[in-house]
């Protein structure tokens, strides 16, 4: 049972989403492949969902723009600063667990 009216629920969901994005920005030590292997989604997934939601409401947003909104910087910059090489074990786990089209 939802105790909130729709505007309040939307505000709370938006606040929780913003906190999740802030947390992921703070935890740059956690790689996207780790998120995918453990949770089935990553920062790129969030950026895609954000872009899709914007487009559904008539707002044009590129992949690069949506990624910058989630990462807090251009994706290439985030990769250069924080992304590490994934080991064979992580790549194998990803192949096993990756979303199937």
N, C-alpha and C. Protein backbone atom coordinates (compact mmCIF):
# COMPACT_ATOMS: atom_id res chain seq x y z
N UNK A 1 0.85 -1.18 0.00
CA UNK A 1 0.00 0.00 0.00
C UNK A 1 0.90 1.24 0.00
N UNK A 2 0.59 2.18 -0.87
CA UNK A 2 1.36 3.41 -1.02
C UNK A 2 0.68 4.51 -0.21
N UNK A 3 1.34 5.02 0.85
CA UNK A 3 0.70 6.04 1.69
C UNK A 3 0.80 7.46 1.13
N UNK A 4 1.44 7.62 -0.04
CA UNK A 4 1.68 8.96 -0.57
C UNK A 4 0.84 9.24 -1.80
N UNK A 5 0.50 10.52 -1.97
CA UNK A 5 -0.15 10.91 -3.22
C UNK A 5 0.92 10.89 -4.32
N UNK A 6 0.49 10.94 -5.58
CA UNK A 6 1.43 10.79 -6.68
C UNK A 6 2.52 11.86 -6.72
N UNK A 7 2.21 13.14 -6.53
CA UNK A 7 3.31 14.13 -6.55
C UNK A 7 4.34 13.89 -5.44
N UNK A 8 3.89 13.51 -4.26
CA UNK A 8 4.82 13.24 -3.16
C UNK A 8 5.67 12.02 -3.48
N UNK A 9 5.04 10.97 -3.98
CA UNK A 9 5.78 9.76 -4.34
C UNK A 9 6.84 10.08 -5.40
N UNK A 10 6.47 10.87 -6.39
CA UNK A 10 7.41 11.26 -7.44
C UNK A 10 8.58 12.04 -6.85
N UNK A 11 8.31 12.96 -5.94
CA UNK A 11 9.38 13.73 -5.29
C UNK A 11 10.31 12.81 -4.50
N UNK A 12 9.74 11.85 -3.78
CA UNK A 12 10.56 10.93 -2.99
C UNK A 12 11.39 10.02 -3.90
N UNK A 13 10.79 9.54 -4.97
CA UNK A 13 11.53 8.71 -5.93
C UNK A 13 12.67 9.50 -6.57
N UNK A 14 12.41 10.75 -6.91
CA UNK A 14 13.45 11.59 -7.50
C UNK A 14 14.58 11.82 -6.51
N UNK A 15 14.25 12.05 -5.24
CA UNK A 15 15.28 12.25 -4.22
C UNK A 15 16.11 10.98 -4.05
N UNK A 16 15.47 9.83 -4.05
CA UNK A 16 16.19 8.56 -3.91
C UNK A 16 17.10 8.34 -5.13
N UNK A 17 16.61 8.66 -6.31
CA UNK A 17 17.42 8.52 -7.52
C UNK A 17 18.64 9.43 -7.47
N UNK A 18 18.43 10.68 -7.07
CA UNK A 18 19.55 11.61 -6.97
C UNK A 18 20.59 11.11 -5.96
N UNK A 19 20.13 10.53 -4.86
CA UNK A 19 21.05 9.99 -3.87
C UNK A 19 21.81 8.79 -4.42
N UNK A 20 21.14 7.94 -5.19
CA UNK A 20 21.82 6.81 -5.82
C UNK A 20 22.91 7.30 -6.77
N UNK A 21 22.60 8.27 -7.60
CA UNK A 21 23.58 8.82 -8.54
C UNK A 21 24.75 9.43 -7.77
N UNK A 22 24.47 10.18 -6.72
CA UNK A 22 25.53 10.77 -5.89
C UNK A 22 26.41 9.67 -5.29
N UNK A 23 25.79 8.63 -4.80
CA UNK A 23 26.53 7.52 -4.21
C UNK A 23 27.45 6.86 -5.24
N UNK A 24 26.93 6.62 -6.45
CA UNK A 24 27.74 6.00 -7.49
C UNK A 24 28.89 6.91 -7.92
N UNK A 25 28.67 8.22 -7.90
CA UNK A 25 29.77 9.14 -8.22
C UNK A 25 30.85 9.09 -7.15
N UNK A 26 30.43 8.97 -5.89
CA UNK A 26 31.39 8.88 -4.79
C UNK A 26 32.14 7.56 -4.80
N UNK A 27 31.51 6.51 -5.28
CA UNK A 27 32.10 5.17 -5.27
C UNK A 27 32.68 4.82 -6.65
N UNK A 28 33.57 5.67 -7.12
CA UNK A 28 34.19 5.42 -8.43
C UNK A 28 35.09 4.18 -8.39
N UNK A 29 35.39 3.68 -7.19
CA UNK A 29 36.17 2.44 -7.08
C UNK A 29 35.36 1.22 -7.50
N UNK A 30 34.05 1.34 -7.49
CA UNK A 30 33.19 0.24 -7.92
C UNK A 30 33.02 0.34 -9.43
N UNK A 31 33.50 -0.65 -10.13
CA UNK A 31 33.47 -0.65 -11.58
C UNK A 31 32.09 -1.05 -12.09
N UNK A 32 31.76 -0.61 -13.29
CA UNK A 32 30.48 -0.97 -13.89
C UNK A 32 30.32 -2.48 -14.02
N UNK A 33 31.39 -3.18 -14.35
CA UNK A 33 31.29 -4.63 -14.51
C UNK A 33 30.93 -5.28 -13.17
N UNK A 34 31.42 -4.72 -12.07
CA UNK A 34 31.06 -5.23 -10.75
C UNK A 34 29.57 -5.03 -10.49
N UNK A 35 29.07 -3.84 -10.83
CA UNK A 35 27.65 -3.57 -10.67
C UNK A 35 26.81 -4.52 -11.53
N UNK A 36 27.22 -4.70 -12.77
CA UNK A 36 26.49 -5.61 -13.66
C UNK A 36 26.48 -7.03 -13.13
N UNK A 37 27.63 -7.50 -12.66
CA UNK A 37 27.72 -8.87 -12.18
C UNK A 37 26.92 -9.09 -10.90
N UNK A 38 26.84 -8.08 -10.06
CA UNK A 38 26.14 -8.23 -8.79
C UNK A 38 24.67 -7.82 -8.84
N UNK A 39 24.38 -6.77 -9.59
CA UNK A 39 23.03 -6.20 -9.55
C UNK A 39 22.29 -6.24 -10.88
N UNK A 40 23.00 -6.52 -11.96
CA UNK A 40 22.34 -6.58 -13.26
C UNK A 40 22.10 -5.24 -13.91
N UNK A 41 22.69 -4.19 -13.36
CA UNK A 41 22.63 -2.86 -13.98
C UNK A 41 23.87 -2.10 -13.57
N UNK A 42 24.16 -1.01 -14.30
CA UNK A 42 25.33 -0.20 -14.00
C UNK A 42 25.02 1.27 -14.29
N UNK A 43 26.03 2.09 -14.21
CA UNK A 43 25.86 3.52 -14.49
C UNK A 43 25.36 3.76 -15.91
N UNK A 44 25.87 2.97 -16.86
CA UNK A 44 25.42 3.13 -18.25
C UNK A 44 23.94 2.79 -18.38
N UNK A 45 23.49 1.77 -17.66
CA UNK A 45 22.07 1.42 -17.68
C UNK A 45 21.25 2.60 -17.17
N UNK A 46 21.68 3.19 -16.05
CA UNK A 46 20.96 4.34 -15.51
C UNK A 46 20.90 5.48 -16.51
N UNK A 47 22.02 5.72 -17.19
CA UNK A 47 22.04 6.81 -18.17
C UNK A 47 21.10 6.50 -19.33
N UNK A 48 21.04 5.24 -19.74
CA UNK A 48 20.11 4.85 -20.81
C UNK A 48 18.67 5.02 -20.37
N UNK A 49 18.35 4.61 -19.16
CA UNK A 49 16.98 4.76 -18.64
C UNK A 49 16.60 6.24 -18.53
N UNK A 50 17.55 7.06 -18.12
CA UNK A 50 17.32 8.51 -18.01
C UNK A 50 17.01 9.08 -19.39
N UNK A 51 17.85 8.71 -20.37
CA UNK A 51 17.65 9.20 -21.75
C UNK A 51 16.30 8.74 -22.30
N UNK A 52 15.96 7.48 -22.08
CA UNK A 52 14.68 6.95 -22.56
C UNK A 52 13.50 7.68 -21.92
N UNK A 53 13.60 7.98 -20.63
CA UNK A 53 12.53 8.72 -19.95
C UNK A 53 12.40 10.13 -20.51
N UNK A 54 13.54 10.77 -20.78
CA UNK A 54 13.51 12.11 -21.37
C UNK A 54 12.87 12.08 -22.74
N UNK A 55 13.28 11.11 -23.56
CA UNK A 55 12.74 11.00 -24.92
C UNK A 55 11.24 10.69 -24.90
N UNK A 56 10.79 9.90 -23.94
CA UNK A 56 9.36 9.59 -23.82
C UNK A 56 8.54 10.83 -23.51
N UNK A 57 9.21 11.84 -22.96
CA UNK A 57 8.53 13.10 -22.63
C UNK A 57 8.84 14.20 -23.63
N UNK A 58 9.46 13.81 -24.75
CA UNK A 58 9.69 14.76 -25.83
C UNK A 58 10.98 15.55 -25.75
N UNK A 59 11.91 15.15 -24.88
CA UNK A 59 13.18 15.85 -24.74
C UNK A 59 14.27 15.05 -25.44
N UNK A 60 15.00 15.70 -26.32
CA UNK A 60 16.11 15.05 -27.01
C UNK A 60 17.33 15.08 -26.10
N UNK A 61 17.91 13.91 -25.90
CA UNK A 61 19.09 13.78 -25.06
C UNK A 61 19.98 12.74 -25.70
N UNK A 62 21.23 13.09 -25.95
CA UNK A 62 22.14 12.13 -26.57
C UNK A 62 22.67 11.17 -25.51
N UNK A 63 23.25 10.08 -26.00
CA UNK A 63 23.88 9.10 -25.11
C UNK A 63 24.98 9.77 -24.29
N UNK A 64 25.80 10.60 -24.93
CA UNK A 64 26.88 11.29 -24.22
C UNK A 64 26.33 12.25 -23.16
N UNK A 65 25.26 12.96 -23.48
CA UNK A 65 24.66 13.88 -22.52
C UNK A 65 24.09 13.14 -21.32
N UNK A 66 23.40 12.05 -21.57
CA UNK A 66 22.80 11.31 -20.45
C UNK A 66 23.89 10.67 -19.58
N UNK A 67 24.95 10.20 -20.20
CA UNK A 67 26.05 9.63 -19.41
C UNK A 67 26.71 10.70 -18.56
N UNK A 68 26.92 11.88 -19.10
CA UNK A 68 27.53 12.97 -18.33
C UNK A 68 26.66 13.34 -17.13
N UNK A 69 25.34 13.27 -17.29
CA UNK A 69 24.45 13.57 -16.17
C UNK A 69 24.59 12.54 -15.05
N UNK A 70 24.80 11.29 -15.39
CA UNK A 70 24.94 10.24 -14.39
C UNK A 70 26.36 10.22 -13.81
N UNK A 71 27.35 10.31 -14.66
CA UNK A 71 28.74 10.22 -14.21
C UNK A 71 29.23 11.52 -13.55
N UNK A 72 28.59 12.64 -13.85
CA UNK A 72 29.04 13.92 -13.32
C UNK A 72 30.18 14.52 -14.11
N UNK A 73 30.49 13.94 -15.25
CA UNK A 73 31.55 14.40 -16.14
C UNK A 73 31.40 13.63 -17.44
N UNK A 74 32.08 14.04 -18.50
CA UNK A 74 32.02 13.26 -19.74
C UNK A 74 32.50 11.82 -19.48
N UNK A 75 31.86 10.88 -20.14
CA UNK A 75 32.15 9.46 -19.93
C UNK A 75 33.62 9.13 -20.18
N UNK A 76 34.20 9.67 -21.24
CA UNK A 76 35.60 9.41 -21.53
C UNK A 76 36.52 9.87 -20.41
N UNK A 77 36.18 10.99 -19.81
CA UNK A 77 36.96 11.49 -18.68
C UNK A 77 36.84 10.54 -17.48
N UNK A 78 35.61 10.07 -17.20
CA UNK A 78 35.42 9.13 -16.11
C UNK A 78 36.22 7.86 -16.35
N UNK A 79 36.17 7.36 -17.58
CA UNK A 79 36.92 6.15 -17.91
C UNK A 79 38.42 6.35 -17.66
N UNK A 80 38.95 7.48 -18.12
CA UNK A 80 40.38 7.75 -17.95
C UNK A 80 40.78 7.87 -16.49
N UNK A 81 39.90 8.43 -15.68
CA UNK A 81 40.21 8.63 -14.26
C UNK A 81 39.99 7.37 -13.41
N UNK A 82 38.94 6.60 -13.74
CA UNK A 82 38.48 5.59 -12.79
C UNK A 82 38.39 4.16 -13.31
N UNK A 83 38.26 3.97 -14.60
CA UNK A 83 38.02 2.62 -15.09
C UNK A 83 39.31 1.81 -15.08
N UNK A 84 39.21 0.58 -14.60
CA UNK A 84 40.35 -0.32 -14.57
C UNK A 84 40.06 -1.51 -15.49
N UNK A 85 41.11 -2.23 -15.82
CA UNK A 85 40.97 -3.41 -16.67
C UNK A 85 40.25 -4.51 -15.89
N UNK A 86 39.24 -5.10 -16.51
CA UNK A 86 38.50 -6.20 -15.88
C UNK A 86 39.28 -7.49 -16.06
N UNK A 87 39.38 -8.25 -14.99
CA UNK A 87 40.07 -9.53 -15.04
C UNK A 87 39.22 -10.58 -15.74
N UNK A 88 39.86 -11.69 -16.07
CA UNK A 88 39.18 -12.77 -16.77
C UNK A 88 37.98 -13.30 -15.99
N UNK A 89 38.10 -13.34 -14.67
CA UNK A 89 37.00 -13.84 -13.84
C UNK A 89 35.77 -12.93 -13.93
N UNK A 90 35.99 -11.62 -13.92
CA UNK A 90 34.88 -10.68 -14.02
C UNK A 90 34.25 -10.73 -15.42
N UNK A 91 35.07 -10.85 -16.44
CA UNK A 91 34.55 -10.94 -17.81
C UNK A 91 33.74 -12.21 -18.00
N UNK A 92 34.21 -13.32 -17.45
CA UNK A 92 33.48 -14.58 -17.56
C UNK A 92 32.14 -14.50 -16.83
N UNK A 93 32.15 -13.89 -15.64
CA UNK A 93 30.90 -13.72 -14.89
C UNK A 93 29.93 -12.84 -15.66
N UNK A 94 30.45 -11.80 -16.29
CA UNK A 94 29.60 -10.91 -17.08
C UNK A 94 28.97 -11.66 -18.24
N UNK A 95 29.73 -12.48 -18.92
CA UNK A 95 29.19 -13.24 -20.05
C UNK A 95 28.09 -14.19 -19.60
N UNK A 96 28.25 -14.75 -18.43
CA UNK A 96 27.23 -15.66 -17.88
C UNK A 96 25.97 -14.90 -17.48
N UNK A 97 26.15 -13.72 -16.88
CA UNK A 97 25.03 -12.98 -16.28
C UNK A 97 24.47 -11.85 -17.13
N UNK A 98 25.12 -11.53 -18.22
CA UNK A 98 24.72 -10.36 -19.00
C UNK A 98 23.26 -10.49 -19.47
N UNK A 99 22.58 -9.35 -19.55
CA UNK A 99 21.20 -9.37 -20.06
C UNK A 99 21.15 -9.91 -21.47
N UNK A 100 20.22 -10.77 -21.71
CA UNK A 100 20.05 -11.34 -23.06
C UNK A 100 18.97 -10.55 -23.80
N UNK A 101 19.25 -10.22 -25.07
CA UNK A 101 18.25 -9.44 -25.83
C UNK A 101 16.98 -10.23 -26.09
